[in-house]
Amino acid sequence: MISFCRQLTSLNLITINRASILHNLTYFQKKYPNKHIWPVLKSNAYGHGLVQMVSILKSQDFDYYVVDSYYEALQIWRHHRHPVLLIGPNHPDNFSYFKFKNLALTIDNLRSLKALVGLNKSIKIHLKINTGMNRQGIDPKNLNLALKIIKSNPKLQLEGLCSHLADADNSDQSFTKKQEIIFKDCLKKVQRFGFKPLFVHLSATAGVFLTTGNVIRLGLGLYGYLPGLTPALRLTSTITGSHLLQKGDTVSYNRTFTAQKEGSLAIIPLGYFEGLDRRLSNRGFVKYKNKFYKIAGLVCMNLTCLDFAKTKPKLFAPVEIISPNPVDKNSLAAHSLLADTIIYELLVHLSPILRRQVI
């Protein structure tokens, strides 16, 4: 059944450029030669496709894939038996089902830590400290208790110490510096307890400038959405219908688009279910034969209308929805501004069922 589906022509297609991903990874490896660069593949690899990203990265040299859930780890291991670091929360009751070979857990609370002790298994942990984001992490006041629990259970290996920055992309770095100071103090306390964590990580893509730590958890930077990097993702759709509009004709739900003069309307089989943000209604652009055309009316669940004006659409011709060129009107940078959101959101909302192809 699966092989049969692969023979079908896709109306919507995401392509991931292998060379762009490897360029971005190499960029950080060369710029920060004294740090470990770990690719973050959580949330379906930021919409790029977990399996597709593993196929690109499996030949590269790094310590860990970083994901949110054990389910994602299992998906990776189907294609690459490589160590995985889980950074998301887990219910302690589930630990007894985990396979801890090639696995490290980020632990951010005492209950989870005590649950691991009860397993009496050799487990690598990365202890997460709350340095000011107030979302996850052991409170520094409880760090001594956490360290005592680990110290008294030699099967727990404190392989890493980590935290997460709340404001690293702000030009005002004062809060980030406060977090760094708290983290350094916690690291000293860990070392005084006799622990020597192999990995110390505070920085994601934002925050790479910090000198503290020897790891960068590379998320958005891996996919190319920063100056000097190369976006890897392109989304195309297909014209499956067209209409000739007369002046005064309205389009789509709630009739929010009214034709100002006679012109062509093109229809594509891609809507907000597939990941085209509804906030781009009457605002966003697509590219057809190297020209940009505006979305007409409200984006629907599985269909979107395009104002082609004087251009006559060709049935089953391709339309570029997301361009990897950051200066294009249909780039994710442009779309995020129009939708008043962040690139992360637009990426992870790309439907997992869209076909993805590495090129």
Protein backbone atom coordinates (compact mmCIF):
# COMPACT_ATOMS: atom_id res chain seq x y z
CA MET A 1 0.00 0.00 0.00
CA ILE A 2 2.78 2.42 0.94
CA SER A 3 4.81 1.66 -2.19
CA PHE A 4 1.68 2.17 -4.28
CA CYS A 5 1.13 5.61 -2.72
CA ARG A 6 4.70 6.59 -3.54
CA GLN A 7 3.92 6.11 -7.22
CA LEU A 8 1.08 8.63 -7.10
CA THR A 9 1.65 12.20 -8.25
CA SER A 10 1.57 14.56 -5.26
CA LEU A 11 -0.50 17.72 -5.54
CA ASN A 12 1.42 19.18 -2.58
CA LEU A 13 5.12 18.55 -2.00
CA ILE A 14 7.74 19.66 0.52
CA THR A 15 11.31 19.36 -0.70
CA ILE A 16 14.28 19.49 1.68
CA ASN A 17 17.61 20.50 0.20
CA ARG A 18 20.31 18.19 1.58
CA ALA A 19 23.16 20.55 0.67
CA SER A 20 21.51 23.43 2.53
CA ILE A 21 21.10 21.42 5.74
CA LEU A 22 24.70 20.21 5.62
CA HIS A 23 25.91 23.74 4.85
CA ASN A 24 24.14 25.09 7.93
CA LEU A 25 25.48 22.33 10.17
CA THR A 26 29.02 22.82 8.88
CA TYR A 27 28.74 26.58 9.35
CA PHE A 28 28.23 26.16 13.09
CA GLN A 29 30.80 23.37 13.40
CA LYS A 30 33.46 25.58 11.82
CA LYS A 31 32.46 28.75 13.66
CA TYR A 32 32.39 27.01 17.06
CA PRO A 33 35.06 24.29 16.75
CA ASN A 34 35.34 23.84 20.53
CA LYS A 35 31.65 23.06 20.99
CA HIS A 36 29.54 20.01 20.30
CA ILE A 37 26.78 20.78 17.79
CA TRP A 38 23.64 18.71 18.34
CA PRO A 39 20.83 18.80 15.75
CA VAL A 40 17.38 19.38 17.25
CA LEU A 41 14.77 17.26 15.45
CA LYS A 42 11.76 17.76 17.71
CA SER A 43 8.30 18.63 16.32
CA ASN A 44 8.82 16.62 13.14
CA ALA A 45 12.22 18.29 12.68
CA TYR A 46 10.64 21.75 12.70
CA GLY A 47 8.25 20.63 9.98
CA HIS A 48 11.01 19.34 7.71
CA GLY A 49 10.25 15.67 8.45
CA LEU A 50 11.98 13.60 11.12
CA VAL A 51 12.78 10.66 8.84
CA GLN A 52 14.00 12.92 6.04
CA MET A 53 16.32 14.81 8.36
CA VAL A 54 17.75 11.58 9.77
CA SER A 55 18.51 10.42 6.21
CA ILE A 56 20.50 13.64 5.69
CA LEU A 57 22.30 13.67 9.04
CA LYS A 58 23.07 9.99 9.66
CA SER A 59 26.48 10.28 7.97
CA GLN A 60 27.51 13.28 10.09
CA ASP A 61 29.51 13.29 13.33
CA PHE A 62 27.67 14.43 16.48
CA ASP A 63 26.92 13.04 19.93
CA TYR A 64 23.14 13.25 20.08
CA TYR A 65 19.98 13.85 18.16
CA VAL A 66 17.82 16.09 20.35
CA VAL A 67 14.08 15.43 20.42
CA ASP A 68 11.11 16.14 22.67
CA SER A 69 9.60 12.69 23.18
CA TYR A 70 10.41 9.01 23.44
CA TYR A 71 8.11 8.43 20.46
CA GLU A 72 10.44 10.59 18.35
CA ALA A 73 13.42 8.59 19.62
CA LEU A 74 11.75 5.37 18.48
CA GLN A 75 11.15 6.90 15.05
CA ILE A 76 14.82 7.83 14.76
CA TRP A 77 16.01 4.37 15.82
CA ARG A 78 14.02 2.78 13.03
CA HIS A 79 16.42 4.49 10.64
CA HIS A 80 19.57 5.22 12.64
CA ARG A 81 20.73 3.51 15.86
CA HIS A 82 22.32 6.63 17.28
CA PRO A 83 22.18 8.24 20.75
CA VAL A 84 19.19 10.48 21.42
CA LEU A 85 18.68 13.11 24.11
CA LEU A 86 15.10 13.66 25.25
CA ILE A 87 14.51 17.25 26.37
CA GLY A 88 10.74 17.09 26.86
CA PRO A 89 8.77 15.99 29.93
CA ASN A 90 7.96 12.33 30.55
CA HIS A 91 5.49 10.70 32.91
CA PRO A 92 7.54 8.81 35.51
CA ASP A 93 5.30 5.76 35.09
CA ASN A 94 6.59 5.36 31.53
CA PHE A 95 10.27 5.05 32.44
CA SER A 96 9.95 1.33 33.08
CA TYR A 97 9.15 0.83 29.38
CA PHE A 98 12.09 2.85 28.06
CA LYS A 99 15.14 1.26 26.44
CA PHE A 100 18.04 3.21 27.87
CA LYS A 101 20.70 2.09 25.44
CA ASN A 102 21.46 5.04 23.14
CA LEU A 103 19.25 7.26 25.31
CA ALA A 104 19.84 10.16 27.69
CA LEU A 105 17.07 11.88 29.65
CA THR A 106 16.75 15.52 30.59
CA ILE A 107 15.48 15.57 34.18
CA ASP A 108 13.82 18.72 35.48
CA ASN A 109 12.03 17.58 38.64
CA LEU A 110 12.70 15.51 41.75
CA ARG A 111 9.81 13.10 41.23
CA SER A 112 11.24 11.93 37.90
CA LEU A 113 14.68 11.63 39.43
CA LYS A 114 13.36 9.41 42.24
CA ALA A 115 11.44 7.29 39.71
CA LEU A 116 14.66 6.58 37.82
CA VAL A 117 16.35 5.52 41.05
CA GLY A 118 13.63 2.92 41.57
CA LEU A 119 14.45 1.26 38.22
CA ASN A 120 17.96 0.32 39.37
CA LYS A 121 19.26 0.66 35.80
CA SER A 122 22.26 2.41 34.30
CA ILE A 123 20.82 5.68 32.97
CA LYS A 124 22.42 8.83 31.58
CA ILE A 125 20.79 12.03 32.73
CA HIS A 126 21.15 15.72 31.93
CA LEU A 127 19.98 17.72 34.93
CA LYS A 128 18.05 20.82 33.88
CA ILE A 129 18.23 23.95 36.04
CA ASN A 130 15.61 26.69 36.11
CA THR A 131 17.74 29.80 35.66
CA GLY A 132 14.89 32.24 35.03
CA MET A 133 12.67 31.03 32.21
CA ASN A 134 10.37 29.51 34.86
CA ARG A 135 9.07 26.83 32.55
CA GLN A 136 11.13 23.74 33.33
CA GLY A 137 14.01 22.90 35.58
CA ILE A 138 15.17 22.14 39.11
CA ASP A 139 15.04 25.23 41.31
CA PRO A 140 18.61 26.13 42.30
CA LYS A 141 17.46 25.93 45.94
CA ASN A 142 16.68 22.24 45.40
CA LEU A 143 19.87 21.44 43.53
CA ASN A 144 21.64 20.04 46.61
CA LEU A 145 18.82 17.56 47.18
CA ALA A 146 18.89 16.46 43.54
CA LEU A 147 22.66 15.98 43.67
CA LYS A 148 22.42 13.94 46.89
CA ILE A 149 19.91 11.60 45.22
CA ILE A 150 22.23 11.14 42.24
CA LYS A 151 25.30 10.76 44.45
CA SER A 152 23.72 7.95 46.44
CA ASN A 153 22.74 6.05 43.29
CA PRO A 154 25.86 5.31 41.22
CA LYS A 155 23.83 3.78 38.36
CA LEU A 156 22.57 7.29 37.57
CA GLN A 157 25.22 8.97 35.46
CA LEU A 158 25.12 12.76 35.58
CA GLU A 159 26.36 13.17 32.03
CA GLY A 160 25.07 16.70 31.48
CA LEU A 161 23.97 19.92 33.10
CA CYS A 162 21.71 22.24 31.14
CA SER A 163 19.26 25.11 31.14
CA HIS A 164 17.36 27.20 28.61
CA LEU A 165 17.56 30.91 27.82
CA ALA A 166 14.39 33.00 27.88
CA ASP A 167 15.55 36.13 26.05
CA ALA A 168 18.68 35.29 24.10
CA ASP A 169 17.49 36.89 20.84
CA ASN A 170 16.94 40.27 22.52
CA SER A 171 19.49 42.99 21.77
CA ASP A 172 19.40 43.74 25.49
CA GLN A 173 21.42 40.87 26.94
CA SER A 174 21.04 41.81 30.60
CA PHE A 175 18.56 39.05 31.48
CA THR A 176 20.55 36.45 29.54
CA LYS A 177 23.66 37.40 31.49
CA LYS A 178 21.73 36.96 34.75
CA GLN A 179 20.72 33.47 33.65
CA GLU A 180 24.30 32.68 32.74
CA ILE A 181 25.52 33.75 36.19
CA ILE A 182 22.94 31.54 37.93
CA PHE A 183 23.89 28.63 35.69
CA LYS A 184 27.61 29.08 36.42
CA ASP A 185 26.92 29.08 40.15
CA CYS A 186 24.96 25.83 39.79
CA LEU A 187 27.75 24.28 37.74
CA LYS A 188 30.26 25.12 40.48
CA LYS A 189 27.99 23.50 43.05
CA VAL A 190 27.73 20.36 40.90
CA GLN A 191 31.51 20.22 40.62
CA ARG A 192 31.96 20.68 44.37
CA PHE A 193 29.75 17.62 44.83
CA GLY A 194 32.39 15.70 42.89
CA PHE A 195 30.55 15.50 39.56
CA LYS A 196 32.25 16.31 36.27
CA PRO A 197 29.49 16.58 33.64
CA LEU A 198 30.76 15.67 30.21
CA PHE A 199 28.29 18.03 28.55
CA VAL A 200 27.28 21.51 29.73
CA HIS A 201 24.66 23.24 27.61
CA LEU A 202 22.89 26.54 27.98
CA SER A 203 22.76 27.69 24.36
CA ALA A 204 20.26 26.86 21.65
CA THR A 205 20.69 28.58 18.27
CA ALA A 206 19.99 31.84 20.06
CA GLY A 207 22.70 32.27 22.65
CA VAL A 208 25.58 30.72 20.69
CA PHE A 209 27.63 33.77 21.64
CA LEU A 210 27.82 32.67 25.29
CA THR A 211 31.11 31.19 26.40
CA THR A 212 29.54 29.02 29.10
CA GLY A 213 29.12 25.38 28.14
CA ASN A 214 30.50 23.09 25.47
CA VAL A 215 27.30 22.25 23.55
CA ILE A 216 24.98 24.11 21.17
CA ARG A 217 21.51 22.64 20.70
CA LEU A 218 21.05 23.62 17.07
CA GLY A 219 17.39 24.13 16.14
CA LEU A 220 16.32 26.95 13.83
CA GLY A 221 19.90 27.52 12.70
CA LEU A 222 20.11 23.98 11.34
CA TYR A 223 17.19 24.70 9.02
CA GLY A 224 18.66 27.96 7.77
CA TYR A 225 16.48 30.73 9.15
CA LEU A 226 19.17 33.15 10.26
CA PRO A 227 21.34 35.63 8.30
CA GLY A 228 24.19 33.91 6.50
CA LEU A 229 22.46 30.54 6.46
CA THR A 230 20.51 28.74 3.74
CA PRO A 231 16.85 27.75 4.20
CA ALA A 232 16.33 24.18 3.03
CA LEU A 233 12.54 23.89 2.72
CA ARG A 234 10.36 24.57 -0.30
CA LEU A 235 6.60 23.89 -0.45
CA THR A 236 4.81 23.60 -3.78
CA SER A 237 1.21 22.96 -4.66
CA THR A 238 -0.73 22.41 -7.90
CA ILE A 239 -3.44 24.36 -9.69
CA THR A 240 -6.47 22.08 -9.71
CA GLY A 241 -9.11 24.56 -10.83
CA SER A 242 -9.71 28.07 -12.15
CA HIS A 243 -12.54 30.55 -12.70
CA LEU A 244 -12.98 33.73 -14.67
CA LEU A 245 -14.20 36.40 -12.27
CA GLN A 246 -16.33 39.36 -13.27
CA LYS A 247 -16.11 42.71 -11.54
CA GLY A 248 -18.00 42.47 -8.25
CA ASP A 249 -17.70 38.68 -7.87
CA THR A 250 -16.78 37.53 -4.36
CA VAL A 251 -14.56 34.65 -3.33
CA SER A 252 -14.44 32.02 -0.56
CA TYR A 253 -16.12 31.94 2.85
CA ASN A 254 -17.63 35.18 4.17
CA ARG A 255 -16.94 36.84 0.79
CA THR A 256 -13.92 38.79 2.05
CA PHE A 257 -12.47 39.22 -1.46
CA THR A 258 -14.28 41.18 -4.17
CA ALA A 259 -12.97 41.31 -7.73
CA GLN A 260 -12.30 44.90 -8.77
CA LYS A 261 -12.24 43.95 -12.43
CA GLU A 262 -12.43 40.91 -14.66
CA GLY A 263 -9.65 38.42 -13.98
CA SER A 264 -8.63 34.84 -13.34
CA LEU A 265 -8.88 32.91 -10.09
CA ALA A 266 -6.71 29.83 -9.49
CA ILE A 267 -7.46 27.15 -6.89
CA ILE A 268 -4.88 25.00 -5.10
CA PRO A 269 -5.60 21.92 -2.91
CA LEU A 270 -3.78 23.27 0.13
CA GLY A 271 -5.28 25.04 3.13
CA TYR A 272 -4.85 25.55 6.83
CA PHE A 273 -4.99 21.80 7.53
CA GLU A 274 -1.92 21.36 5.33
CA GLY A 275 -0.22 24.28 7.08
CA LEU A 276 -1.01 27.42 5.08
CA ASP A 277 -1.69 29.86 7.87
CA ARG A 278 -5.23 31.28 7.83
CA ARG A 279 -3.85 34.69 8.84
CA LEU A 280 -2.41 34.92 5.31
CA SER A 281 -5.93 35.24 3.92
CA ASN A 282 -6.07 38.19 1.49
CA ARG A 283 -2.45 39.00 2.47
CA GLY A 284 -0.03 36.22 1.59
CA PHE A 285 1.71 35.63 -1.73
CA VAL A 286 2.59 32.59 -3.84
CA LYS A 287 4.87 32.32 -6.86
CA TYR A 288 3.79 31.10 -10.29
CA LYS A 289 6.21 31.20 -13.24
CA ASN A 290 8.51 33.57 -11.33
CA LYS A 291 5.76 36.10 -10.60
CA PHE A 292 3.99 36.69 -7.28
CA TYR A 293 0.23 36.42 -6.87
CA LYS A 294 -1.90 37.20 -3.83
CA ILE A 295 -4.15 34.89 -1.86
CA ALA A 296 -7.78 35.80 -2.59
CA GLY A 297 -10.29 35.43 0.22
CA LEU A 298 -10.10 33.25 3.31
CA VAL A 299 -7.75 30.27 3.33
CA CYS A 300 -9.99 27.20 3.62
CA MET A 301 -9.35 23.88 5.35
CA ASN A 302 -7.99 22.12 2.25
CA LEU A 303 -8.29 24.71 -0.53
CA THR A 304 -7.03 28.22 -1.22
CA CYS A 305 -7.92 30.68 -3.97
CA LEU A 306 -5.36 32.86 -5.72
CA ASP A 307 -5.89 36.15 -7.52
CA PHE A 308 -4.18 35.64 -10.88
CA ALA A 309 -5.62 38.86 -12.37
CA LYS A 310 -4.77 38.89 -16.10
CA THR A 311 -2.70 35.70 -15.97
CA LYS A 312 -4.47 32.57 -17.19
CA PRO A 313 -3.72 29.61 -14.88
CA LYS A 314 -2.63 26.35 -16.45
CA LEU A 315 -4.41 23.34 -14.98
CA PHE A 316 -2.11 21.08 -12.92
CA ALA A 317 0.80 23.52 -13.16
CA PRO A 318 2.98 23.91 -10.03
CA VAL A 319 2.73 26.88 -7.66
CA GLU A 320 5.41 27.68 -5.09
CA ILE A 321 3.85 28.34 -1.69
CA ILE A 322 7.02 28.65 0.43
CA SER A 323 10.26 29.82 -1.16
CA PRO A 324 13.66 29.04 0.35
CA ASN A 325 14.83 32.48 -0.82
CA PRO A 326 14.45 34.74 2.25
CA VAL A 327 13.89 37.87 0.13
CA ASP A 328 10.90 36.43 -1.76
CA LYS A 329 7.37 37.60 -0.97
CA ASN A 330 6.44 33.97 -0.28
CA SER A 331 9.37 33.18 2.01
CA LEU A 332 8.68 32.13 5.58
CA ALA A 333 10.29 35.37 6.73
CA ALA A 334 7.74 37.34 4.71
CA HIS A 335 4.83 35.10 5.73
CA SER A 336 5.68 35.38 9.43
CA LEU A 337 5.61 39.18 9.22
CA LEU A 338 2.25 39.15 7.44
CA ALA A 339 0.81 36.66 9.93
CA ASP A 340 2.34 38.48 12.92
CA THR A 341 3.95 35.31 14.21
CA ILE A 342 7.31 33.53 14.23
CA ILE A 343 8.87 31.26 11.62
CA TYR A 344 8.86 28.37 14.12
CA GLU A 345 5.06 28.30 14.22
CA LEU A 346 4.65 28.31 10.45
CA LEU A 347 7.17 25.49 10.09
CA VAL A 348 5.81 23.12 12.71
CA HIS A 349 2.24 23.57 11.45
CA LEU A 350 3.14 22.03 8.09
CA SER A 351 1.08 18.86 8.10
CA PRO A 352 3.00 15.63 8.79
CA ILE A 353 1.00 13.91 6.02
CA LEU A 354 2.37 16.18 3.30
CA ARG A 355 4.85 14.27 1.15
CA ARG A 356 8.43 15.24 1.88
CA GLN A 357 11.34 14.57 -0.45
CA VAL A 358 15.05 15.11 0.08
CA ILE A 359 16.74 16.60 -2.97
